[in-house]
Amino acid sequence: MSYPYIRYRIKRLREYIAERTSDIDHRATIKNVVTGAEISGSYLSLLLLASLIALLGLLTNSVAVVIGAMLISPLMGPILSFGLAFTIGDLALARRGLRVIAVSVGLTIALTAFVTLLSPLKEPTAEILSRVRPNIYDLFVAVLAGTAGAIALCTKKNYMITASGVAVATAVIPPLSVVGFGLGSGRIMLGLGGFLLFFTNFVAIVLASDLVFFLFNFHSSMVSEERYPARKRLLILGTVLVLLSIPLVHTLVTDLRKVKLAKRVERVLKLHLEKEAHSRVTGFSVEEKNGRIGVNVTVNTVRPYEKGAEEEIEREIGSLLGRSADLNLEQVVVTAGSIEQKAELPAAATVGQSAAVREESAASVQASTSRLLRDARTELEAFTAPFVVDDIRLEFGEKPGPAQVSIAIRRDYPLTDDERILLARLLERRLQVPVSLRVELVPFLSPVTFDEKGDPSRESIVALAMVKKLPGGSGALESEGPDGRRRADRLKRYLVEDLGVPAANVTVPAKPKSGADTAASVIVVRR
C-alpha cells in the first residue's frame, strides 16, 4: 500500500469527521470545560463529602456507598479539562487543570488519612483490597470510560447520564480514599497500590479524551498561544502511558499465574478429598513463600484421613508443581445421614421417680453391630484395595478381653506381618476395643469360563479386567485350565495380548489340572 494512498485515506477520514462534527459548538465546549477547572466552595464541598462517603463505604465494605461517592465526586471536570488542554495546546488551561487536580488529590488524601487515624476500624476490607492491585484491564476500562465521557461532553447527548456512568467506571475518588486509609492505618503499600490505580485512571482518561477531542476537530488554532506542538504533547502522554503499563502488565501476569496455580492445586485436592458420602472440600488457600508452596485446606469428612494420605497429597502437589509443598489439612468430622432422635420419656412418669434404663434387645445390638462392621469394612477396603474384603465377623466373649474379628479377603498370596498389624490397628480404632484378628484368604478372581470357541466368556473378561488394577502392576500370575494345556495357553495369550500383562509374569504349570469342569483359574502370586 503506497504512502500517497494512505494520505488520501487520512484526508477522506478527516473530511468525514469534519462533516459529522460540523454542528459541534467548539467554543461553548471549551468554555464549559474551562469552568470545570476552577476551585470553588461548592467544588470543595462535593469533593470532601465524596471522599468521606467513599472512605466510610470502604471501611464498612459497602459497595452501594462507594458507588454513591463516585457519583458525587466532581473530580472528572478538571481531568477532562487537562485532556482538552493537551489537545489544543493551551498551557494556561493545562496548568489550571493540573493545579485543581493536585489540590483535590492532596485534600482527599489528607482528610481520609486523618479520619482513618481517628477511626477504630483499621482492618482492610474486601473493597479496599480490590483497589490495591491494578492491572492492564483497569487501564482499558479507564480508556473506554474516558472516551465515552469525552464524546458525551462534545455532543451534549445524554451527557448527565453518561457522565455518571463514567464516574462509576473510572472510580477516581475511592482509590484516593484507599491512599488515605493506607497512610492513616500505617499500611504504606496499600496506599501505594491505591495511588497507582488513581494514576492509571487519570492517565487513561486524559489520553482517551485527548484522542476524542482531536477527532472532533479541537485544534491549536482555538487558543491564542501554542507552546508545545501536537506531536510533542502526544509523545509525552504516550511515554507516560507505556511506562505506566509496565507494572500493570506485571500485576496481571502475576495474578494469572496465581489463578493457574490455585486451579492446579484444586484439581489435586478434589481428586483425593472429594469423595461421595465420605468427605468434601469446603475451602482452601495457596501461598508461595521461600520457594515452597503452602496449601491450607478445610475438609468435612465422616472419617478422618490418616497422616499417610496427607503426605501422599503433599508429594503429588510437589510433583505437579515442581516445588516442595506443605499441606495443612484441617478436618471437621461430621455425621453422615440423619441424626436419630432419642425416645422421649412417657409423660405420665412420676416426678422424682428415676427412669428405668431400657435394656437393648438382641435385634438392636445386631443392627448397631452391622452398621459398625459396614463402616469398618469400608475403611479396610480402602487399605487393601484392589483386594476386596469378602466378609467380616465380630465375636465377643462373656469375659472381658479382645474382640475376635475374622475377615475374608479376596487375595491369593498371604498378608505380611506389617499388613496384619495395620489391619488390626484400623479395626481397634474403629471398634474402640482391643482386637484379635484372624484373616482368611479366598481366590482373588472367580474361575474363568470359556465360550464355544474356546475364548474367555464375557463375564470372565469383565472379572479379568481387575488384573490391571493390581498394586505395582500385574505382578506374577499363574493360569491353569482343563483340557490339558490348550485352554491354559489360550488364557495366557488373552492376559498377554488383551490385558497387556508381560509374558514373563504369566506362568502355566507344566501339568495343568484336568477334569470335566470347563473353568480355569488365575492366581495372583507375589513376585
Protein backbone atom coordinates (compact mmCIF):
# COMPACT_ATOMS: atom_id res chain seq x y z
CA MET A 1 0.00 0.00 0.00
CA SER A 2 1.61 3.29 -1.18
CA TYR A 3 2.15 6.31 1.04
CA PRO A 4 0.05 8.71 -1.16
CA TYR A 5 -2.87 6.28 -0.84
CA ILE A 6 -2.59 6.33 2.96
CA ARG A 7 -2.51 10.12 2.95
CA TYR A 8 -5.56 10.16 0.73
CA ARG A 9 -7.46 7.88 3.11
CA ILE A 10 -6.49 10.01 6.10
CA LYS A 11 -7.71 13.10 4.28
CA ARG A 12 -11.02 11.42 3.47
CA LEU A 13 -11.39 10.37 7.10
CA ARG A 14 -10.79 13.93 8.28
CA GLU A 15 -13.35 15.26 5.83
CA TYR A 16 -15.89 12.72 7.02
CA ILE A 17 -15.27 13.60 10.68
CA ALA A 18 -15.44 17.33 9.89
CA GLU A 19 -18.78 16.81 8.21
CA ARG A 20 -20.16 14.81 11.13
CA THR A 21 -18.88 17.24 13.76
CA SER A 22 -19.83 20.45 12.00
CA ASP A 23 -22.73 21.02 14.38
CA ILE A 24 -20.49 20.87 17.49
CA ASP A 25 -20.08 24.21 19.23
CA HIS A 26 -16.36 24.03 19.96
CA ARG A 27 -16.19 27.40 21.73
CA ALA A 28 -19.05 26.55 24.06
CA THR A 29 -17.50 23.18 24.87
CA ILE A 30 -14.14 24.78 25.66
CA LYS A 31 -15.85 27.34 27.87
CA ASN A 32 -17.73 24.59 29.70
CA VAL A 33 -14.56 22.61 30.25
CA VAL A 34 -12.64 25.64 31.46
CA THR A 35 -15.38 26.30 34.02
CA GLY A 36 -14.90 22.74 35.34
CA ALA A 37 -11.25 23.51 36.10
CA GLU A 38 -11.97 26.07 38.80
CA ILE A 39 -11.85 25.65 42.56
CA SER A 40 -14.96 26.97 44.28
CA GLY A 41 -16.75 26.43 47.55
CA SER A 42 -19.25 24.05 46.02
CA TYR A 43 -16.47 22.10 44.29
CA LEU A 44 -14.52 21.63 47.54
CA SER A 45 -17.69 20.71 49.45
CA LEU A 46 -18.64 17.99 46.97
CA LEU A 47 -15.05 16.71 46.83
CA LEU A 48 -14.65 16.37 50.61
CA LEU A 49 -18.10 14.85 51.04
CA ALA A 50 -17.39 12.32 48.28
CA SER A 51 -14.05 11.48 49.94
CA LEU A 52 -15.64 10.83 53.33
CA ILE A 53 -18.50 8.81 51.85
CA ALA A 54 -16.03 6.71 49.86
CA LEU A 55 -13.89 6.08 52.96
CA LEU A 56 -16.91 5.03 55.04
CA GLY A 57 -18.05 2.72 52.25
CA LEU A 58 -14.58 1.15 52.10
CA LEU A 59 -14.35 0.71 55.88
CA THR A 60 -17.81 -0.87 56.10
CA ASN A 61 -17.28 -2.90 52.92
CA SER A 62 -20.41 -1.40 51.33
CA VAL A 63 -20.42 -1.39 47.53
CA ALA A 64 -23.52 0.83 47.34
CA VAL A 65 -21.93 3.55 49.48
CA VAL A 66 -18.74 3.52 47.40
CA ILE A 67 -20.78 3.89 44.20
CA GLY A 68 -22.62 6.83 45.75
CA ALA A 69 -19.29 8.55 46.42
CA MET A 70 -18.28 8.03 42.77
CA LEU A 71 -21.44 9.78 41.59
CA ILE A 72 -20.93 12.77 43.91
CA SER A 73 -17.25 13.31 43.05
CA PRO A 74 -16.58 16.42 40.87
CA LEU A 75 -13.01 15.34 40.01
CA MET A 76 -13.89 14.32 36.44
CA GLY A 77 -14.24 18.02 35.49
CA PRO A 78 -10.59 19.08 35.94
CA ILE A 79 -9.35 15.77 34.48
CA LEU A 80 -11.28 16.37 31.23
CA SER A 81 -10.04 19.97 31.26
CA PHE A 82 -6.48 18.73 31.40
CA GLY A 83 -7.21 16.35 28.48
CA LEU A 84 -8.64 19.19 26.38
CA ALA A 85 -5.63 21.37 27.22
CA PHE A 86 -3.36 18.67 25.83
CA THR A 87 -5.37 18.54 22.62
CA ILE A 88 -5.48 22.26 21.87
CA GLY A 89 -2.09 23.08 23.36
CA ASP A 90 -3.47 25.56 25.91
CA LEU A 91 -0.69 25.74 28.51
CA ALA A 92 -2.65 28.05 30.83
CA LEU A 93 -5.63 25.67 30.90
CA ALA A 94 -3.29 22.69 31.47
CA ARG A 95 -1.67 24.42 34.44
CA ARG A 96 -5.04 25.37 35.89
CA GLY A 97 -6.43 21.86 35.50
CA LEU A 98 -3.30 20.24 36.92
CA ARG A 99 -3.36 22.63 39.88
CA VAL A 100 -7.01 21.76 40.63
CA ILE A 101 -6.22 18.04 40.37
CA ALA A 102 -3.19 18.34 42.67
CA VAL A 103 -5.17 20.29 45.29
CA SER A 104 -8.04 17.79 45.07
CA VAL A 105 -5.70 14.82 45.49
CA GLY A 106 -3.90 16.41 48.43
CA LEU A 107 -7.08 17.38 50.28
CA THR A 108 -8.69 13.98 49.71
CA ILE A 109 -5.66 12.04 50.97
CA ALA A 110 -5.16 14.33 53.98
CA LEU A 111 -8.82 14.19 55.04
CA THR A 112 -9.22 10.43 54.64
CA ALA A 113 -5.88 9.77 56.41
CA PHE A 114 -6.97 11.93 59.36
CA VAL A 115 -10.39 10.25 59.63
CA THR A 116 -8.77 6.79 59.37
CA LEU A 117 -6.38 7.72 62.18
CA LEU A 118 -9.37 8.55 64.42
CA SER A 119 -11.49 5.59 63.30
CA PRO A 120 -11.49 2.31 65.31
CA LEU A 121 -11.90 0.42 62.01
CA LYS A 122 -8.43 -0.08 60.61
CA GLU A 123 -8.61 -3.57 59.10
CA PRO A 124 -8.55 -3.75 55.27
CA THR A 125 -11.87 -4.88 53.81
CA ALA A 126 -12.54 -6.62 50.51
CA GLU A 127 -13.46 -3.27 48.92
CA ILE A 128 -10.11 -1.83 49.96
CA LEU A 129 -8.06 -4.83 48.86
CA SER A 130 -9.76 -4.85 45.46
CA ARG A 131 -8.25 -1.41 44.72
CA VAL A 132 -4.60 -2.00 45.60
CA ARG A 133 -3.53 -4.30 42.73
CA PRO A 134 -4.50 -2.62 39.42
CA ASN A 135 -3.67 -4.45 36.19
CA ILE A 136 -3.80 -3.68 32.49
CA TYR A 137 -7.56 -4.34 32.39
CA ASP A 138 -8.13 -1.37 34.71
CA LEU A 139 -6.26 0.75 32.16
CA PHE A 140 -8.52 -0.49 29.35
CA VAL A 141 -11.65 0.27 31.39
CA ALA A 142 -10.46 3.81 32.08
CA VAL A 143 -9.65 4.38 28.39
CA LEU A 144 -13.11 3.26 27.29
CA ALA A 145 -14.87 5.24 30.02
CA GLY A 146 -12.85 8.38 29.25
CA THR A 147 -13.75 8.03 25.58
CA ALA A 148 -17.44 7.82 26.44
CA GLY A 149 -17.23 10.84 28.73
CA ALA A 150 -15.45 12.99 26.13
CA ILE A 151 -17.94 12.06 23.41
CA ALA A 152 -20.87 12.91 25.66
CA LEU A 153 -19.25 16.22 26.59
CA CYS A 154 -18.75 17.23 22.95
CA THR A 155 -22.09 16.09 21.57
CA LYS A 156 -24.20 17.03 24.64
CA LYS A 157 -26.21 13.81 24.10
CA ASN A 158 -27.26 12.17 27.38
CA TYR A 159 -24.34 13.93 28.99
CA MET A 160 -25.63 13.77 32.58
CA ILE A 161 -26.33 10.03 32.37
CA THR A 162 -23.07 9.29 30.59
CA ALA A 163 -21.03 11.39 32.99
CA SER A 164 -22.47 9.45 35.92
CA GLY A 165 -21.58 6.16 34.26
CA VAL A 166 -18.06 7.38 33.52
CA ALA A 167 -17.63 8.42 37.15
CA VAL A 168 -18.62 4.94 38.32
CA ALA A 169 -16.50 3.12 35.73
CA THR A 170 -13.28 5.07 36.32
CA ALA A 171 -13.64 5.49 40.11
CA VAL A 172 -11.03 8.17 40.84
CA ILE A 173 -12.19 9.06 44.37
CA PRO A 174 -12.21 5.55 46.04
CA PRO A 175 -8.54 4.88 45.13
CA LEU A 176 -7.54 8.20 46.72
CA SER A 177 -9.52 7.23 49.83
CA VAL A 178 -7.55 3.96 49.86
CA VAL A 179 -4.36 6.04 49.82
CA GLY A 180 -5.59 7.96 52.85
CA PHE A 181 -6.58 4.72 54.59
CA GLY A 182 -3.11 3.28 53.96
CA LEU A 183 -1.40 6.35 55.42
CA GLY A 184 -3.78 6.59 58.38
CA SER A 185 -3.52 2.89 59.29
CA GLY A 186 0.23 2.60 58.72
CA ARG A 187 -0.09 0.34 55.66
CA ILE A 188 2.05 2.23 53.18
CA MET A 189 1.96 -0.49 50.48
CA LEU A 190 -1.86 -0.36 50.40
CA GLY A 191 -1.63 3.39 49.90
CA LEU A 192 0.84 2.98 47.03
CA GLY A 193 -1.45 0.44 45.36
CA GLY A 194 -4.41 2.80 45.61
CA PHE A 195 -2.41 5.70 44.18
CA LEU A 196 -1.24 3.53 41.26
CA LEU A 197 -4.90 2.79 40.43
CA PHE A 198 -5.79 6.51 40.58
CA PHE A 199 -2.84 7.47 38.39
CA THR A 200 -3.78 4.72 35.93
CA ASN A 201 -7.31 6.06 35.63
CA PHE A 202 -6.06 9.64 35.36
CA VAL A 203 -3.62 8.96 32.51
CA ALA A 204 -6.09 6.75 30.64
CA ILE A 205 -8.89 9.34 30.83
CA VAL A 206 -6.58 12.11 29.64
CA LEU A 207 -5.33 10.00 26.72
CA ALA A 208 -8.81 8.87 25.66
CA SER A 209 -10.35 12.33 25.92
CA ASP A 210 -7.35 13.81 24.06
CA LEU A 211 -7.96 11.49 21.11
CA VAL A 212 -11.70 12.19 21.09
CA PHE A 213 -11.18 15.95 21.16
CA PHE A 214 -8.66 15.63 18.31
CA LEU A 215 -11.10 13.62 16.19
CA PHE A 216 -13.84 16.17 16.89
CA ASN A 217 -11.66 18.93 15.36
CA PHE A 218 -10.48 20.63 18.54
CA HIS A 219 -7.13 22.10 17.42
CA SER A 220 -4.46 24.54 18.48
CA SER A 221 -5.87 27.44 16.42
CA MET A 222 -8.59 27.81 19.07
CA VAL A 223 -6.09 29.32 21.53
CA SER A 224 -4.02 32.44 21.23
CA GLU A 225 -0.69 30.81 22.01
CA GLU A 226 0.57 27.28 21.46
CA ARG A 227 3.70 26.50 23.44
CA TYR A 228 4.15 22.82 22.52
CA PRO A 229 3.40 21.14 19.15
CA ALA A 230 0.80 18.37 18.99
CA ARG A 231 3.38 15.69 18.19
CA LYS A 232 5.40 16.53 21.30
CA ARG A 233 2.31 16.53 23.50
CA LEU A 234 1.23 13.11 22.22
CA LEU A 235 4.77 11.81 22.66
CA ILE A 236 4.81 12.89 26.31
CA LEU A 237 1.42 11.32 27.00
CA GLY A 238 2.30 8.12 25.12
CA THR A 239 5.57 7.73 27.03
CA VAL A 240 3.80 8.08 30.36
CA LEU A 241 1.21 5.52 29.24
CA VAL A 242 3.87 2.98 28.20
CA LEU A 243 5.79 3.39 31.46
CA LEU A 244 2.54 3.03 33.40
CA SER A 245 1.63 -0.14 31.50
CA ILE A 246 4.75 -2.00 32.65
CA PRO A 247 3.71 -2.52 36.32
CA LEU A 248 0.11 -3.10 35.25
CA VAL A 249 1.08 -5.91 32.87
CA HIS A 250 3.36 -7.38 35.54
CA THR A 251 0.49 -7.39 38.05
CA LEU A 252 -1.83 -9.07 35.54
CA VAL A 253 0.73 -11.78 34.73
CA THR A 254 1.34 -12.40 38.43
CA ASP A 255 -2.39 -12.68 39.17
CA LEU A 256 -2.95 -15.04 36.23
CA ARG A 257 -0.09 -17.25 37.42
CA LYS A 258 -1.60 -17.40 40.91
CA VAL A 259 -5.01 -18.32 39.50
CA LYS A 260 -3.45 -21.07 37.38
CA LEU A 261 -1.51 -22.35 40.40
CA ALA A 262 -4.66 -22.42 42.54
CA LYS A 263 -6.56 -24.32 39.82
CA ARG A 264 -3.87 -26.99 39.60
CA VAL A 265 -3.78 -27.43 43.37
CA GLU A 266 -7.60 -27.54 43.47
CA ARG A 267 -7.67 -30.44 40.99
CA VAL A 268 -5.32 -32.49 43.17
CA LEU A 269 -7.26 -31.72 46.36
CA LYS A 270 -10.61 -32.65 44.82
CA LEU A 271 -9.17 -35.84 43.34
CA HIS A 272 -8.10 -37.06 46.78
CA LEU A 273 -10.55 -35.39 49.15
CA GLU A 274 -13.84 -35.08 47.22
CA LYS A 275 -15.47 -38.47 47.87
CA GLU A 276 -19.20 -39.05 47.81
CA ALA A 277 -20.71 -39.86 51.19
CA HIS A 278 -17.25 -39.53 52.78
CA SER A 279 -15.63 -36.10 52.52
CA ARG A 280 -15.95 -32.70 50.84
CA VAL A 281 -13.51 -29.80 50.47
CA THR A 282 -15.06 -26.65 51.97
CA GLY A 283 -12.20 -24.23 51.30
CA PHE A 284 -8.52 -23.91 50.54
CA SER A 285 -5.81 -21.30 50.05
CA VAL A 286 -2.41 -21.38 48.34
CA GLU A 287 0.62 -19.35 49.41
CA GLU A 288 4.14 -19.08 47.96
CA LYS A 289 6.96 -18.50 50.42
CA ASN A 290 10.70 -19.07 50.10
CA GLY A 291 10.28 -21.21 47.00
CA ARG A 292 7.77 -23.55 48.69
CA ILE A 293 4.04 -23.95 48.21
CA GLY A 294 1.87 -23.75 51.31
CA VAL A 295 -1.63 -25.22 50.97
CA ASN A 296 -4.27 -24.80 53.68
CA VAL A 297 -7.39 -26.88 53.11
CA THR A 298 -10.51 -27.50 55.19
CA VAL A 299 -12.42 -30.76 54.74
CA ASN A 300 -15.72 -32.02 56.12
CA THR A 301 -15.33 -35.76 56.50
CA VAL A 302 -17.15 -38.70 58.01
CA ARG A 303 -13.89 -40.50 58.85
CA PRO A 304 -10.60 -38.64 59.40
CA TYR A 305 -7.81 -39.11 56.88
CA GLU A 306 -4.58 -40.74 58.02
CA LYS A 307 -1.21 -38.98 58.03
CA GLY A 308 -0.16 -41.14 55.08
CA ALA A 309 -2.95 -39.72 52.90
CA GLU A 310 -1.85 -36.17 53.77
CA GLU A 311 1.76 -36.98 52.85
CA GLU A 312 0.63 -38.52 49.56
CA ILE A 313 -1.26 -35.32 48.62
CA GLU A 314 1.82 -33.26 49.51
CA ARG A 315 4.01 -35.41 47.27
CA GLU A 316 1.57 -35.20 44.34
CA ILE A 317 1.24 -31.41 44.61
CA GLY A 318 5.00 -31.04 44.82
CA SER A 319 5.50 -33.35 41.82
CA LEU A 320 2.88 -31.46 39.79
CA LEU A 321 4.33 -28.01 40.52
CA GLY A 322 7.99 -28.99 40.61
CA ARG A 323 8.43 -27.47 44.10
CA SER A 324 8.20 -28.65 47.69
CA ALA A 325 4.70 -28.42 49.15
CA ASP A 326 3.48 -28.09 52.73
CA LEU A 327 -0.11 -29.26 53.29
CA ASN A 328 -2.09 -28.16 56.33
CA LEU A 329 -5.18 -30.38 56.38
CA GLU A 330 -7.90 -29.21 58.76
CA GLN A 331 -10.51 -31.95 59.15
CA VAL A 332 -14.00 -31.38 60.51
CA VAL A 333 -15.65 -34.69 61.43
CA VAL A 334 -19.35 -34.70 60.53
CA THR A 335 -22.15 -37.25 60.74
CA ALA A 336 -23.45 -38.94 57.60
CA GLY A 337 -27.22 -39.20 57.19
CA SER A 338 -29.85 -38.01 59.65
CA ILE A 339 -29.49 -37.93 63.43
CA GLU A 340 -31.66 -40.42 65.22
CA GLN A 341 -33.92 -38.85 67.81
CA LYS A 342 -33.92 -40.36 71.27
CA ALA A 343 -37.25 -41.62 72.51
CA GLU A 344 -38.84 -39.25 74.99
CA LEU A 345 -39.87 -40.45 78.41
CA PRO A 346 -43.60 -41.10 78.93
CA ALA A 347 -45.49 -38.02 80.07
CA ALA A 348 -47.01 -39.99 82.92
CA ALA A 349 -43.64 -40.55 84.59
CA THR A 350 -43.94 -39.65 88.27
CA VAL A 351 -41.96 -36.62 89.48
CA GLY A 352 -38.83 -37.74 91.40
CA GLN A 353 -39.05 -41.26 90.00
CA SER A 354 -35.89 -42.20 88.05
CA ALA A 355 -36.47 -43.54 84.57
CA ALA A 356 -35.63 -47.20 84.16
CA VAL A 357 -32.81 -47.92 81.76
CA ARG A 358 -34.17 -49.84 78.80
CA GLU A 359 -32.08 -52.90 78.07
CA GLU A 360 -31.03 -53.38 74.48
CA SER A 361 -32.52 -56.36 72.69
CA ALA A 362 -30.52 -58.79 70.59
CA ALA A 363 -32.03 -57.31 67.45
CA SER A 364 -30.88 -53.75 68.29
CA VAL A 365 -27.39 -54.99 69.21
CA GLN A 366 -27.18 -56.88 65.91
CA ALA A 367 -28.34 -53.81 63.93
CA SER A 368 -25.81 -51.47 65.55
CA THR A 369 -23.04 -54.06 65.16
CA SER A 370 -23.89 -54.48 61.48
CA ARG A 371 -23.59 -50.72 60.90
CA LEU A 372 -20.30 -50.68 62.76
CA LEU A 373 -18.91 -53.56 60.70
CA ARG A 374 -20.03 -51.94 57.44
CA ASP A 375 -18.06 -48.82 58.34
CA ALA A 376 -15.07 -50.93 59.37
CA ARG A 377 -15.26 -52.90 56.11
CA THR A 378 -15.26 -49.68 54.04
CA GLU A 379 -12.16 -48.45 55.88
CA LEU A 380 -10.39 -51.79 55.48
CA GLU A 381 -11.10 -51.94 51.73
CA ALA A 382 -9.52 -48.50 51.31
CA PHE A 383 -6.32 -50.09 52.70
CA THR A 384 -6.48 -53.49 50.96
CA ALA A 385 -7.63 -52.20 47.52
CA PRO A 386 -7.91 -53.65 44.95
CA PHE A 387 -8.26 -56.78 47.08
CA VAL A 388 -11.84 -56.83 48.36
CA VAL A 389 -12.92 -57.69 51.90
CA ASP A 390 -15.33 -60.53 51.18
CA ASP A 391 -16.69 -60.92 54.71
CA ILE A 392 -16.15 -59.61 58.24
CA ARG A 393 -17.37 -61.11 61.51
CA LEU A 394 -17.17 -59.89 65.10
CA GLU A 395 -17.39 -62.02 68.26
CA PHE A 396 -17.39 -61.01 71.94
CA GLY A 397 -16.98 -63.39 74.82
CA GLU A 398 -18.71 -63.20 78.18
CA LYS A 399 -15.46 -62.36 79.92
CA PRO A 400 -13.60 -59.10 79.16
CA GLY A 401 -10.93 -59.49 76.51
CA PRO A 402 -10.04 -58.70 72.94
CA ALA A 403 -12.79 -58.80 70.35
CA GLN A 404 -12.45 -61.71 67.91
CA VAL A 405 -12.57 -60.35 64.37
CA SER A 406 -12.49 -62.61 61.33
CA ILE A 407 -12.13 -61.19 57.84
CA ALA A 408 -12.05 -62.88 54.46
CA ILE A 409 -10.02 -61.12 51.77
CA ARG A 410 -10.07 -61.90 48.06
CA ARG A 411 -6.33 -62.36 47.65
CA ASP A 412 -4.17 -65.28 46.52
CA TYR A 413 -0.99 -64.65 48.49
CA PRO A 414 -0.76 -64.19 52.29
CA LEU A 415 -0.53 -60.92 54.15
CA THR A 416 2.77 -59.73 55.57
CA ASP A 417 3.17 -59.20 59.31
CA ASP A 418 3.14 -55.43 58.80
CA GLU A 419 -0.14 -55.64 56.87
CA ARG A 420 -1.74 -57.70 59.65
CA ILE A 421 -0.62 -55.19 62.27
CA LEU A 422 -2.02 -52.27 60.27
CA LEU A 423 -5.35 -54.02 59.72
CA ALA A 424 -5.61 -54.79 63.44
CA ARG A 425 -4.89 -51.16 64.33
CA LEU A 426 -7.51 -49.91 61.87
CA LEU A 427 -10.09 -52.21 63.46
CA GLU A 428 -9.11 -51.23 67.01
CA ARG A 429 -9.50 -47.55 66.18
CA ARG A 430 -12.88 -48.14 64.54
CA LEU A 431 -14.24 -50.56 67.21
CA GLN A 432 -12.61 -48.79 70.19
CA VAL A 433 -11.60 -52.15 71.74
CA PRO A 434 -8.54 -54.43 71.54
CA VAL A 435 -8.80 -56.82 68.59
CA SER A 436 -7.61 -60.35 67.92
CA LEU A 437 -7.53 -60.66 64.14
CA ARG A 438 -7.92 -63.79 62.02
CA VAL A 439 -7.52 -63.47 58.23
CA GLU A 440 -8.90 -65.94 55.71
CA LEU A 441 -7.87 -65.74 52.05
CA VAL A 442 -10.25 -66.59 49.22
CA PRO A 443 -9.40 -66.60 45.47
CA PHE A 444 -8.94 -63.10 44.08
CA LEU A 445 -10.60 -63.99 40.76
CA SER A 446 -13.57 -66.26 40.16
CA PRO A 447 -12.95 -69.29 37.92
CA VAL A 448 -12.60 -68.31 34.26
CA THR A 449 -15.21 -69.89 31.96
CA PHE A 450 -14.92 -70.27 28.20
CA ASP A 451 -17.38 -70.00 25.32
CA GLU A 452 -17.89 -72.44 22.48
CA LYS A 453 -14.90 -71.04 20.54
CA GLY A 454 -12.57 -71.62 23.45
CA ASP A 455 -12.26 -67.91 24.35
CA PRO A 456 -12.95 -66.48 27.85
CA SER A 457 -16.64 -65.69 28.34
CA ARG A 458 -17.97 -62.13 28.63
CA GLU A 459 -18.39 -62.42 32.41
CA SER A 460 -14.83 -63.66 32.80
CA ILE A 461 -13.46 -60.83 30.64
CA VAL A 462 -15.10 -58.29 32.95
CA ALA A 463 -13.64 -60.04 36.00
CA LEU A 464 -10.14 -60.33 34.48
CA ALA A 465 -10.04 -56.56 33.99
CA MET A 466 -9.17 -56.35 37.72
CA VAL A 467 -5.69 -57.59 36.80
CA LYS A 468 -4.87 -54.07 35.55
CA LYS A 469 -5.62 -52.62 39.00
CA LEU A 470 -3.15 -54.80 40.89
CA PRO A 471 -0.74 -52.74 43.05
CA GLY A 472 2.59 -52.23 41.36
CA GLY A 473 1.38 -53.66 38.05
CA SER A 474 0.37 -57.15 37.07
CA GLY A 475 2.81 -58.83 39.46
CA ALA A 476 3.05 -62.53 38.67
CA LEU A 477 0.16 -64.73 37.55
CA GLU A 478 -0.35 -68.45 37.29
CA SER A 479 -3.03 -69.83 34.97
CA GLU A 480 -4.29 -73.35 34.66
CA GLY A 481 -7.27 -74.92 32.97
CA PRO A 482 -8.95 -78.14 31.85
CA ASP A 483 -8.41 -79.95 28.55
CA GLY A 484 -4.67 -80.08 29.04
CA ARG A 485 -2.54 -77.13 28.01
CA ARG A 486 -4.80 -75.77 25.27
CA ARG A 487 -7.12 -73.59 27.37
CA ALA A 488 -4.36 -72.66 29.81
CA ASP A 489 -2.30 -71.38 26.87
CA ARG A 490 -5.36 -69.57 25.46
CA LEU A 491 -5.89 -67.90 28.84
CA LYS A 492 -2.23 -66.85 28.97
CA ARG A 493 -2.49 -65.40 25.45
CA TYR A 494 -5.52 -63.33 26.48
CA LEU A 495 -3.71 -61.98 29.55
CA VAL A 496 -0.66 -61.02 27.49
CA GLU A 497 -2.25 -59.72 24.28
CA ASP A 498 -5.53 -58.22 25.50
CA LEU A 499 -4.68 -57.06 29.03
CA GLY A 500 -1.08 -56.10 28.37
CA VAL A 501 0.41 -58.35 31.07
CA PRO A 502 4.12 -59.04 30.38
CA ALA A 503 4.58 -62.61 29.20
CA ALA A 504 7.31 -63.14 31.78
CA ASN A 505 4.76 -62.50 34.53
CA VAL A 506 2.39 -65.30 33.47
CA THR A 507 3.26 -68.89 34.34
CA VAL A 508 1.44 -72.00 33.10
CA PRO A 509 2.12 -75.07 35.25
CA ALA A 510 3.85 -77.94 33.44
CA LYS A 511 0.88 -80.21 34.10
CA PRO A 512 -2.36 -78.27 34.24
CA LYS A 513 -5.18 -79.79 36.20
CA SER A 514 -7.59 -81.80 34.15
CA GLY A 515 -11.20 -82.62 34.71
CA ALA A 516 -14.69 -82.34 33.36
CA ASP A 517 -15.07 -78.76 34.54
CA THR A 518 -14.92 -76.14 31.77
CA ALA A 519 -13.50 -73.43 34.07
CA ALA A 520 -9.90 -72.32 34.55
CA SER A 521 -8.25 -70.33 37.32
CA VAL A 522 -5.92 -67.35 37.51
CA ILE A 523 -3.89 -66.98 40.70
CA VAL A 524 -2.08 -63.78 41.66
CA VAL A 525 1.37 -64.66 43.03
CA ARG A 526 3.59 -62.14 44.81
CA ARG A 527 6.88 -61.62 42.95
